[in-house]
Structure formats: C-alpha cells, structure tokens
Amino acid sequence: MYNYFNCCVSWDSKDVGSGLIPMIDNSLNITRRTFLKYVNREDLASLEQGLGYDTHYKKGLTMASDWSVSYYRSKLHNKTVYYFRQSAIEYVFTH
C-alpha cells in the first residue's frame, strides 16, 4: 500500500531538480481505478476532505467526478510512486 508522502508545494527545495521534476516529466497517466488499487484509502479520504470534496457523496463535488483531477504512476529516486494532480499541485504517495 502506498501512503501519502508530500505535495509539490511542501517539497524540499533541494530535491526539486533531482526528484520532483523528473518524477513529473517521466510519469504515465493512469485511471482513478488503477490509482485506487495502490494507495492508502484513509490517506486519500483525508486529502479529499481537506481539498473540499464531498466525501459522503451527498450533493457536492467529489474528487472522482472532478474532470480537472488526473492520476499518474512514476518513479521518484528509482522507486515507484502514485500521485494525483489537482489545481496544478501534485500529491504523491510512496511505499
């Protein structure tokens, strides 16, 4: 299971050029379904709630229905990671 690690806004500035940018440049688009197979659902639910999504599927916008969210698989320092991008911010999950 991949747990939430960090978002690009809080990234260590010393690792942007050698970690974050190559991770983004070499990523592959994946489906939400594939993303959900690998990430910690509790971590994801906490992020969704913090981003203002309706996590109880009542009347608000859900992350699953937000057309502006995209999902990726990549490598960060030669380790597989999964991440989603929302509002041009990457939220990274690692082992």
PDB file of N, CA and C in Angstrom:
ATOM      1  N   MET A   1       0.835  -1.173   0.000  1.00  0.00           N
ATOM      2  CA  MET A   1       0.000   0.000   0.000  1.00  0.00           C
ATOM      3  C   MET A   1       0.891   1.251   0.000  1.00  0.00           C
ATOM      4  N   TYR A   2       0.525   2.208  -0.803  1.00  0.00           N
ATOM      5  CA  TYR A   2       1.272   3.461  -0.900  1.00  0.00           C
ATOM      6  C   TYR A   2       0.583   4.514  -0.023  1.00  0.00           C
ATOM      7  N   ASN A   3       1.364   5.127   0.841  1.00  0.00           N
ATOM      8  CA  ASN A   3       0.845   6.126   1.774  1.00  0.00           C
ATOM      9  C   ASN A   3       1.170   7.529   1.277  1.00  0.00           C
ATOM     10  N   TYR A   4       0.356   8.480   1.706  1.00  0.00           N
ATOM     11  CA  TYR A   4       0.605   9.859   1.315  1.00  0.00           C
ATOM     12  C   TYR A   4       1.967  10.295   1.838  1.00  0.00           C
ATOM     13  N   PHE A   5       2.733  10.934   0.958  1.00  0.00           N
ATOM     14  CA  PHE A   5       4.086  11.365   1.286  1.00  0.00           C
ATOM     15  C   PHE A   5       4.187  12.882   1.376  1.00  0.00           C
ATOM     16  N   ASN A   6       3.808  13.572   0.297  1.00  0.00           N
ATOM     17  CA  ASN A   6       4.032  15.008   0.252  1.00  0.00           C
ATOM     18  C   ASN A   6       3.340  15.584  -0.975  1.00  0.00           C
ATOM     19  N   CYS A   7       3.211  16.906  -0.983  1.00  0.00           N
ATOM     20  CA  CYS A   7       2.744  17.583  -2.188  1.00  0.00           C
ATOM     21  C   CYS A   7       3.848  18.507  -2.676  1.00  0.00           C
ATOM     22  N   CYS A   8       3.774  18.895  -3.925  1.00  0.00           N
ATOM     23  CA  CYS A   8       4.857  19.682  -4.519  1.00  0.00           C
ATOM     24  C   CYS A   8       5.056  21.024  -3.836  1.00  0.00           C
ATOM     25  N   VAL A   9       4.018  21.578  -3.242  1.00  0.00           N
ATOM     26  CA  VAL A   9       4.119  22.876  -2.572  1.00  0.00           C
ATOM     27  C   VAL A   9       5.035  22.794  -1.350  1.00  0.00           C
ATOM     28  N   SER A  10       5.057  21.652  -0.698  1.00  0.00           N
ATOM     29  CA  SER A  10       5.867  21.466   0.516  1.00  0.00           C
ATOM     30  C   SER A  10       7.164  20.711   0.239  1.00  0.00           C
ATOM     31  N   TRP A  11       7.488  20.498  -1.019  1.00  0.00           N
ATOM     32  CA  TRP A  11       8.650  19.692  -1.394  1.00  0.00           C
ATOM     33  C   TRP A  11       9.942  20.326  -0.913  1.00  0.00           C
ATOM     34  N   ASP A  12      10.875  19.522  -0.486  1.00  0.00           N
ATOM     35  CA  ASP A  12      12.199  20.003  -0.098  1.00  0.00           C
ATOM     36  C   ASP A  12      12.851  20.639  -1.325  1.00  0.00           C
ATOM     37  N   SER A  13      13.206  21.900  -1.221  1.00  0.00           N
ATOM     38  CA  SER A  13      13.742  22.626  -2.374  1.00  0.00           C
ATOM     39  C   SER A  13      15.021  21.990  -2.921  1.00  0.00           C
ATOM     40  N   LYS A  14      15.770  21.287  -2.097  1.00  0.00           N
ATOM     41  CA  LYS A  14      16.998  20.616  -2.553  1.00  0.00           C
ATOM     42  C   LYS A  14      16.697  19.408  -3.430  1.00  0.00           C
ATOM     43  N   ASP A  15      15.448  18.909  -3.393  1.00  0.00           N
ATOM     44  CA  ASP A  15      15.079  17.701  -4.145  1.00  0.00           C
ATOM     45  C   ASP A  15      14.195  18.000  -5.348  1.00  0.00           C
ATOM     46  N   VAL A  16      13.911  19.241  -5.609  1.00  0.00           N
ATOM     47  CA  VAL A  16      13.027  19.574  -6.733  1.00  0.00           C
ATOM     48  C   VAL A  16      13.663  19.156  -8.056  1.00  0.00           C
ATOM     49  N   GLY A  17      14.902  19.545  -8.295  1.00  0.00           N
ATOM     50  CA  GLY A  17      15.556  19.254  -9.567  1.00  0.00           C
ATOM     51  C   GLY A  17      15.900  17.798  -9.783  1.00  0.00           C
ATOM     52  N   SER A  18      16.219  17.084  -8.716  1.00  0.00           N
ATOM     53  CA  SER A  18      16.619  15.683  -8.860  1.00  0.00           C
ATOM     54  C   SER A  18      15.505  14.695  -8.547  1.00  0.00           C
ATOM     55  N   GLY A  19      14.428  15.153  -7.934  1.00  0.00           N
ATOM     56  CA  GLY A  19      13.340  14.243  -7.557  1.00  0.00           C
ATOM     57  C   GLY A  19      12.010  14.611  -8.168  1.00  0.00           C
ATOM     58  N   LEU A  20      11.484  15.759  -7.780  1.00  0.00           N
ATOM     59  CA  LEU A  20      10.134  16.151  -8.198  1.00  0.00           C
ATOM     60  C   LEU A  20      10.004  16.333  -9.709  1.00  0.00           C
ATOM     61  N   ILE A  21      10.888  17.106 -10.313  1.00  0.00           N
ATOM     62  CA  ILE A  21      10.762  17.386 -11.748  1.00  0.00           C
ATOM     63  C   ILE A  21      10.910  16.118 -12.590  1.00  0.00           C
ATOM     64  N   PRO A  22      11.918  15.273 -12.359  1.00  0.00           N
ATOM     65  CA  PRO A  22      11.988  14.028 -13.129  1.00  0.00           C
ATOM     66  C   PRO A  22      10.767  13.126 -12.909  1.00  0.00           C
ATOM     67  N   MET A  23      10.241  13.118 -11.682  1.00  0.00           N
ATOM     68  CA  MET A  23       9.045  12.324 -11.407  1.00  0.00           C
ATOM     69  C   MET A  23       7.891  12.784 -12.293  1.00  0.00           C
ATOM     70  N   ILE A  24       7.680  14.083 -12.385  1.00  0.00           N
ATOM     71  CA  ILE A  24       6.596  14.633 -13.198  1.00  0.00           C
ATOM     72  C   ILE A  24       6.869  14.391 -14.686  1.00  0.00           C
ATOM     73  N   ASP A  25       8.091  14.660 -15.122  1.00  0.00           N
ATOM     74  CA  ASP A  25       8.430  14.520 -16.545  1.00  0.00           C
ATOM     75  C   ASP A  25       8.301  13.096 -17.055  1.00  0.00           C
ATOM     76  N   ASN A  26       8.515  12.107 -16.202  1.00  0.00           N
ATOM     77  CA  ASN A  26       8.514  10.702 -16.624  1.00  0.00           C
ATOM     78  C   ASN A  26       7.276   9.934 -16.189  1.00  0.00           C
ATOM     79  N   SER A  27       6.217  10.633 -15.867  1.00  0.00           N
ATOM     80  CA  SER A  27       5.017   9.968 -15.360  1.00  0.00           C
ATOM     81  C   SER A  27       4.143   9.423 -16.490  1.00  0.00           C
ATOM     82  N   LEU A  28       3.333   8.440 -16.128  1.00  0.00           N
ATOM     83  CA  LEU A  28       2.361   7.840 -17.029  1.00  0.00           C
ATOM     84  C   LEU A  28       0.965   8.087 -16.487  1.00  0.00           C
ATOM     85  N   ASN A  29       0.056   8.513 -17.350  1.00  0.00           N
ATOM     86  CA  ASN A  29      -1.336   8.672 -16.935  1.00  0.00           C
ATOM     87  C   ASN A  29      -1.931   7.308 -16.602  1.00  0.00           C
ATOM     88  N   ILE A  30      -2.688   7.258 -15.537  1.00  0.00           N
ATOM     89  CA  ILE A  30      -3.416   6.048 -15.171  1.00  0.00           C
ATOM     90  C   ILE A  30      -4.855   6.440 -14.842  1.00  0.00           C
ATOM     91  N   THR A  31      -5.710   5.464 -14.713  1.00  0.00           N
ATOM     92  CA  THR A  31      -7.098   5.733 -14.350  1.00  0.00           C
ATOM     93  C   THR A  31      -7.224   5.879 -12.837  1.00  0.00           C
ATOM     94  N   ARG A  32      -8.310   6.485 -12.414  1.00  0.00           N
ATOM     95  CA  ARG A  32      -8.582   6.568 -10.972  1.00  0.00           C
ATOM     96  C   ARG A  32      -8.705   5.158 -10.396  1.00  0.00           C
ATOM     97  N   ARG A  33      -9.308   4.279 -11.141  1.00  0.00           N
ATOM     98  CA  ARG A  33      -9.489   2.900 -10.682  1.00  0.00           C
ATOM     99  C   ARG A  33      -8.137   2.249 -10.368  1.00  0.00           C
ATOM    100  N   THR A  34      -7.174   2.420 -11.264  1.00  0.00           N
ATOM    101  CA  THR A  34      -5.836   1.878 -11.029  1.00  0.00           C
ATOM    102  C   THR A  34      -5.192   2.561  -9.831  1.00  0.00           C
ATOM    103  N   PHE A  35      -5.306   3.874  -9.746  1.00  0.00           N
ATOM    104  CA  PHE A  35      -4.763   4.633  -8.624  1.00  0.00           C
ATOM    105  C   PHE A  35      -5.292   4.081  -7.300  1.00  0.00           C
ATOM    106  N   LEU A  36      -6.586   3.828  -7.244  1.00  0.00           N
ATOM    107  CA  LEU A  36      -7.216   3.358  -6.002  1.00  0.00           C
ATOM    108  C   LEU A  36      -6.744   1.970  -5.590  1.00  0.00           C
ATOM    109  N   LYS A  37      -6.276   1.165  -6.510  1.00  0.00           N
ATOM    110  CA  LYS A  37      -5.770  -0.174  -6.180  1.00  0.00           C
ATOM    111  C   LYS A  37      -4.517  -0.109  -5.314  1.00  0.00           C
ATOM    112  N   TYR A  38      -3.780   0.993  -5.412  1.00  0.00           N
ATOM    113  CA  TYR A  38      -2.468   1.052  -4.796  1.00  0.00           C
ATOM    114  C   TYR A  38      -2.338   1.983  -3.603  1.00  0.00           C
ATOM    115  N   VAL A  39      -3.177   2.990  -3.502  1.00  0.00           N
ATOM    116  CA  VAL A  39      -2.976   3.989  -2.453  1.00  0.00           C
ATOM    117  C   VAL A  39      -3.794   3.700  -1.200  1.00  0.00           C
ATOM    118  N   ASN A  40      -3.304   4.203  -0.093  1.00  0.00           N
ATOM    119  CA  ASN A  40      -3.981   4.081   1.189  1.00  0.00           C
ATOM    120  C   ASN A  40      -5.259   4.919   1.141  1.00  0.00           C
ATOM    121  N   ARG A  41      -6.404   4.257   1.251  1.00  0.00           N
ATOM    122  CA  ARG A  41      -7.695   4.936   1.112  1.00  0.00           C
ATOM    123  C   ARG A  41      -7.955   5.929   2.242  1.00  0.00           C
ATOM    124  N   GLU A  42      -7.457   5.650   3.427  1.00  0.00           N
ATOM    125  CA  GLU A  42      -7.647   6.589   4.533  1.00  0.00           C
ATOM    126  C   GLU A  42      -6.877   7.879   4.278  1.00  0.00           C
ATOM    127  N   ASP A  43      -5.659   7.744   3.796  1.00  0.00           N
ATOM    128  CA  ASP A  43      -4.865   8.928   3.450  1.00  0.00           C
ATOM    129  C   ASP A  43      -5.558   9.728   2.362  1.00  0.00           C
ATOM    130  N   LEU A  44      -6.062   9.024   1.348  1.00  0.00           N
ATOM    131  CA  LEU A  44      -6.734   9.698   0.243  1.00  0.00           C
ATOM    132  C   LEU A  44      -8.002  10.400   0.719  1.00  0.00           C
ATOM    133  N   ALA A  45      -8.795   9.738   1.553  1.00  0.00           N
ATOM    134  CA  ALA A  45     -10.022  10.342   2.065  1.00  0.00           C
ATOM    135  C   ALA A  45      -9.720  11.619   2.854  1.00  0.00           C
ATOM    136  N   SER A  46      -8.656  11.588   3.629  1.00  0.00           N
ATOM    137  CA  SER A  46      -8.256  12.766   4.395  1.00  0.00           C
ATOM    138  C   SER A  46      -7.867  13.916   3.461  1.00  0.00           C
ATOM    139  N   LEU A  47      -7.121  13.606   2.407  1.00  0.00           N
ATOM    140  CA  LEU A  47      -6.753  14.629   1.425  1.00  0.00           C
ATOM    141  C   LEU A  47      -7.992  15.179   0.720  1.00  0.00           C
ATOM    142  N   GLU A  48      -8.882  14.281   0.301  1.00  0.00           N
ATOM    143  CA  GLU A  48     -10.097  14.720  -0.383  1.00  0.00           C
ATOM    144  C   GLU A  48     -10.902  15.677   0.488  1.00  0.00           C
ATOM    145  N   GLN A  49     -11.060  15.320   1.738  1.00  0.00           N
ATOM    146  CA  GLN A  49     -11.806  16.174   2.655  1.00  0.00           C
ATOM    147  C   GLN A  49     -11.112  17.521   2.815  1.00  0.00           C
ATOM    148  N   GLY A  50      -9.787  17.495   2.974  1.00  0.00           N
ATOM    149  CA  GLY A  50      -9.025  18.725   3.117  1.00  0.00           C
ATOM    150  C   GLY A  50      -9.082  19.621   1.893  1.00  0.00           C
ATOM    151  N   LEU A  51      -9.278  19.011   0.721  1.00  0.00           N
ATOM    152  CA  LEU A  51      -9.383  19.774  -0.516  1.00  0.00           C
ATOM    153  C   LEU A  51     -10.812  20.247  -0.793  1.00  0.00           C
ATOM    154  N   GLY A  52     -11.729  19.905   0.104  1.00  0.00           N
ATOM    155  CA  GLY A  52     -13.099  20.396  -0.001  1.00  0.00           C
ATOM    156  C   GLY A  52     -14.050  19.529  -0.793  1.00  0.00           C
ATOM    157  N   TYR A  53     -13.639  18.307  -1.106  1.00  0.00           N
ATOM    158  CA  TYR A  53     -14.534  17.415  -1.837  1.00  0.00           C
ATOM    159  C   TYR A  53     -15.575  16.815  -0.903  1.00  0.00           C
ATOM    160  N   ASP A  54     -16.720  16.500  -1.469  1.00  0.00           N
ATOM    161  CA  ASP A  54     -17.789  15.824  -0.738  1.00  0.00           C
ATOM    162  C   ASP A  54     -17.408  14.352  -0.619  1.00  0.00           C
ATOM    163  N   THR A  55     -16.997  13.941   0.546  1.00  0.00           N
ATOM    164  CA  THR A  55     -16.573  12.551   0.739  1.00  0.00           C
ATOM    165  C   THR A  55     -17.725  11.638   1.145  1.00  0.00           C
ATOM    166  N   HIS A  56     -18.911  12.207   1.321  1.00  0.00           N
ATOM    167  CA  HIS A  56     -20.074  11.401   1.706  1.00  0.00           C
ATOM    168  C   HIS A  56     -21.068  11.244   0.554  1.00  0.00           C
ATOM    169  N   TYR A  57     -20.699  11.745  -0.616  1.00  0.00           N
ATOM    170  CA  TYR A  57     -21.497  11.603  -1.837  1.00  0.00           C
ATOM    171  C   TYR A  57     -22.933  12.088  -1.654  1.00  0.00           C
ATOM    172  N   LYS A  58     -23.067  13.272  -1.087  1.00  0.00           N
ATOM    173  CA  LYS A  58     -24.409  13.828  -0.896  1.00  0.00           C
ATOM    174  C   LYS A  58     -24.767  14.723  -2.071  1.00  0.00           C
ATOM    175  N   LYS A  59     -24.289  15.951  -2.086  1.00  0.00           N
ATOM    176  CA  LYS A  59     -24.652  16.863  -3.172  1.00  0.00           C
ATOM    177  C   LYS A  59     -23.463  17.599  -3.765  1.00  0.00           C
ATOM    178  N   GLY A  60     -22.343  17.574  -3.077  1.00  0.00           N
ATOM    179  CA  GLY A  60     -21.192  18.353  -3.534  1.00  0.00           C
ATOM    180  C   GLY A  60     -20.347  17.628  -4.564  1.00  0.00           C
ATOM    181  N   LEU A  61     -19.324  18.295  -5.004  1.00  0.00           N
ATOM    182  CA  LEU A  61     -18.382  17.749  -5.976  1.00  0.00           C
ATOM    183  C   LEU A  61     -17.498  16.701  -5.304  1.00  0.00           C
ATOM    184  N   THR A  62     -17.382  15.555  -5.946  1.00  0.00           N
ATOM    185  CA  THR A  62     -16.474  14.522  -5.458  1.00  0.00           C
ATOM    186  C   THR A  62     -15.190  14.566  -6.282  1.00  0.00           C
ATOM    187  N   MET A  63     -14.134  14.064  -5.713  1.00  0.00           N
ATOM    188  CA  MET A  63     -12.879  14.006  -6.450  1.00  0.00           C
ATOM    189  C   MET A  63     -13.034  13.101  -7.665  1.00  0.00           C
ATOM    190  N   ALA A  64     -13.769  12.022  -7.514  1.00  0.00           N
ATOM    191  CA  ALA A  64     -13.969  11.082  -8.625  1.00  0.00           C
ATOM    192  C   ALA A  64     -14.658  11.736  -9.817  1.00  0.00           C
ATOM    193  N   SER A  65     -15.491  12.716  -9.575  1.00  0.00           N
ATOM    194  CA  SER A  65     -16.221  13.360 -10.677  1.00  0.00           C
ATOM    195  C   SER A  65     -15.583  14.667 -11.143  1.00  0.00           C
ATOM    196  N   ASP A  66     -14.480  15.051 -10.536  1.00  0.00           N
ATOM    197  CA  ASP A  66     -13.820  16.304 -10.899  1.00  0.00           C
ATOM    198  C   ASP A  66     -12.958  16.078 -12.143  1.00  0.00           C
ATOM    199  N   TRP A  67     -13.362  16.645 -13.246  1.00  0.00           N
ATOM    200  CA  TRP A  67     -12.655  16.454 -14.522  1.00  0.00           C
ATOM    201  C   TRP A  67     -11.245  17.021 -14.495  1.00  0.00           C
ATOM    202  N   SER A  68     -10.956  17.913 -13.557  1.00  0.00           N
ATOM    203  CA  SER A  68      -9.637  18.540 -13.528  1.00  0.00           C
ATOM    204  C   SER A  68      -8.588  17.747 -12.748  1.00  0.00           C
ATOM    205  N   VAL A  69      -8.986  16.633 -12.128  1.00  0.00           N
ATOM    206  CA  VAL A  69      -8.046  15.790 -11.395  1.00  0.00           C
ATOM    207  C   VAL A  69      -7.547  14.690 -12.317  1.00  0.00           C
ATOM    208  N   SER A  70      -6.224  14.478 -12.317  1.00  0.00           N
ATOM    209  CA  SER A  70      -5.638  13.411 -13.129  1.00  0.00           C
ATOM    210  C   SER A  70      -4.728  12.562 -12.246  1.00  0.00           C
ATOM    211  N   TYR A  71      -4.494  11.330 -12.680  1.00  0.00           N
ATOM    212  CA  TYR A  71      -3.791  10.340 -11.873  1.00  0.00           C
ATOM    213  C   TYR A  71      -2.582   9.805 -12.636  1.00  0.00           C
ATOM    214  N   TYR A  72      -1.509   9.487 -11.891  1.00  0.00           N
ATOM    215  CA  TYR A  72      -0.244   9.118 -12.526  1.00  0.00           C
ATOM    216  C   TYR A  72       0.507   8.051 -11.735  1.00  0.00           C
ATOM    217  N   ARG A  73       1.358   7.336 -12.462  1.00  0.00           N
ATOM    218  CA  ARG A  73       2.368   6.456 -11.869  1.00  0.00           C
ATOM    219  C   ARG A  73       3.708   6.957 -12.380  1.00  0.00           C
ATOM    220  N   SER A  74       4.724   6.935 -11.520  1.00  0.00           N
ATOM    221  CA  SER A  74       6.034   7.405 -11.926  1.00  0.00           C
ATOM    222  C   SER A  74       7.094   6.789 -11.025  1.00  0.00           C
ATOM    223  N   LYS A  75       8.298   7.321 -11.147  1.00  0.00           N
ATOM    224  CA  LYS A  75       9.421   6.917 -10.303  1.00  0.00           C
ATOM    225  C   LYS A  75       9.950   8.156  -9.592  1.00  0.00           C
ATOM    226  N   LEU A  76      10.243   7.987  -8.322  1.00  0.00           N
ATOM    227  CA  LEU A  76      10.878   9.024  -7.519  1.00  0.00           C
ATOM    228  C   LEU A  76      12.120   8.379  -6.923  1.00  0.00           C
ATOM    229  N   HIS A  77      13.276   8.797  -7.389  1.00  0.00           N
ATOM    230  CA  HIS A  77      14.536   8.196  -6.959  1.00  0.00           C
ATOM    231  C   HIS A  77      14.504   6.678  -7.144  1.00  0.00           C
ATOM    232  N   ASN A  78      14.067   6.258  -8.319  1.00  0.00           N
ATOM    233  CA  ASN A  78      14.015   4.848  -8.741  1.00  0.00           C
ATOM    234  C   ASN A  78      13.005   3.996  -7.986  1.00  0.00           C
ATOM    235  N   LYS A  79      12.096   4.609  -7.252  1.00  0.00           N
ATOM    236  CA  LYS A  79      11.032   3.874  -6.569  1.00  0.00           C
ATOM    237  C   LYS A  79       9.698   4.285  -7.168  1.00  0.00           C
ATOM    238  N   THR A  80       8.827   3.315  -7.386  1.00  0.00           N
ATOM    239  CA  THR A  80       7.516   3.601  -7.947  1.00  0.00           C
ATOM    240  C   THR A  80       6.691   4.438  -6.985  1.00  0.00           C
ATOM    241  N   VAL A  81       6.029   5.441  -7.525  1.00  0.00           N
ATOM    242  CA  VAL A  81       5.113   6.279  -6.762  1.00  0.00           C
ATOM    243  C   VAL A  81       3.833   6.449  -7.566  1.00  0.00           C
ATOM    244  N   TYR A  82       2.776   6.784  -6.865  1.00  0.00           N
ATOM    245  CA  TYR A  82       1.498   7.137  -7.484  1.00  0.00           C
ATOM    246  C   TYR A  82       1.159   8.539  -7.006  1.00  0.00           C
ATOM    247  N   TYR A  83       0.575   9.323  -7.893  1.00  0.00           N
ATOM    248  CA  TYR A  83       0.183  10.662  -7.467  1.00  0.00           C
ATOM    249  C   TYR A  83      -1.002  11.149  -8.268  1.00  0.00           C
ATOM    250  N   PHE A  84      -1.676  12.127  -7.706  1.00  0.00           N
ATOM    251  CA  PHE A  84      -2.725  12.797  -8.457  1.00  0.00           C
ATOM    252  C   PHE A  84      -2.387  14.271  -8.529  1.00  0.00           C
ATOM    253  N   ARG A  85      -2.909  14.897  -9.561  1.00  0.00           N
ATOM    254  CA  ARG A  85      -2.710  16.337  -9.755  1.00  0.00           C
ATOM    255  C   ARG A  85      -4.073  17.007  -9.687  1.00  0.00           C
ATOM    256  N   GLN A  86      -4.152  18.033  -8.847  1.00  0.00           N
ATOM    257  CA  GLN A  86      -5.376  18.815  -8.689  1.00  0.00           C
ATOM    258  C   GLN A  86      -4.947  20.265  -8.583  1.00  0.00           C
ATOM    259  N   SER A  87      -5.498  21.106  -9.435  1.00  0.00           N
ATOM    260  CA  SER A  87      -5.143  22.532  -9.455  1.00  0.00           C
ATOM    261  C   SER A  87      -3.631  22.741  -9.584  1.00  0.00           C
ATOM    262  N   ALA A  88      -3.011  21.954 -10.463  1.00  0.00           N
ATOM    263  CA  ALA A  88      -1.576  22.036 -10.761  1.00  0.00           C
ATOM    264  C   ALA A  88      -0.693  21.733  -9.548  1.00  0.00           C
ATOM    265  N   ILE A  89      -1.225  20.997  -8.589  1.00  0.00           N
ATOM    266  CA  ILE A  89      -0.446  20.552  -7.430  1.00  0.00           C
ATOM    267  C   ILE A  89      -0.423  19.033  -7.425  1.00  0.00           C
ATOM    268  N   GLU A  90       0.773  18.467  -7.290  1.00  0.00           N
ATOM    269  CA  GLU A  90       0.935  17.022  -7.254  1.00  0.00           C
ATOM    270  C   GLU A  90       0.913  16.537  -5.810  1.00  0.00           C
ATOM    271  N   TYR A  91       0.120  15.508  -5.547  1.00  0.00           N
ATOM    272  CA  TYR A  91       0.010  14.882  -4.233  1.00  0.00           C
ATOM    273  C   TYR A  91       0.551  13.459  -4.380  1.00  0.00           C
ATOM    274  N   VAL A  92       1.679  13.174  -3.747  1.00  0.00           N
ATOM    275  CA  VAL A  92       2.463  11.966  -4.016  1.00  0.00           C
ATOM    276  C   VAL A  92       2.284  10.924  -2.908  1.00  0.00           C
ATOM    277  N   PHE A  93       2.115   9.675  -3.340  1.00  0.00           N
ATOM    278  CA  PHE A  93       2.007   8.527  -2.449  1.00  0.00           C
ATOM    279  C   PHE A  93       3.196   7.606  -2.702  1.00  0.00           C
ATOM    280  N   THR A  94       3.895   7.195  -1.637  1.00  0.00           N
ATOM    281  CA  THR A  94       5.066   6.324  -1.759  1.00  0.00           C
ATOM    282  C   THR A  94       4.924   5.130  -0.831  1.00  0.00           C
ATOM    283  N   HIS A  95       5.797   4.171  -1.039  1.00  0.00           N
ATOM    284  CA  HIS A  95       5.893   2.987  -0.156  1.00  0.00           C
ATOM    285  C   HIS A  95       6.667   3.338   1.065  1.00  0.00           C
TER     286      HIS A  95
END
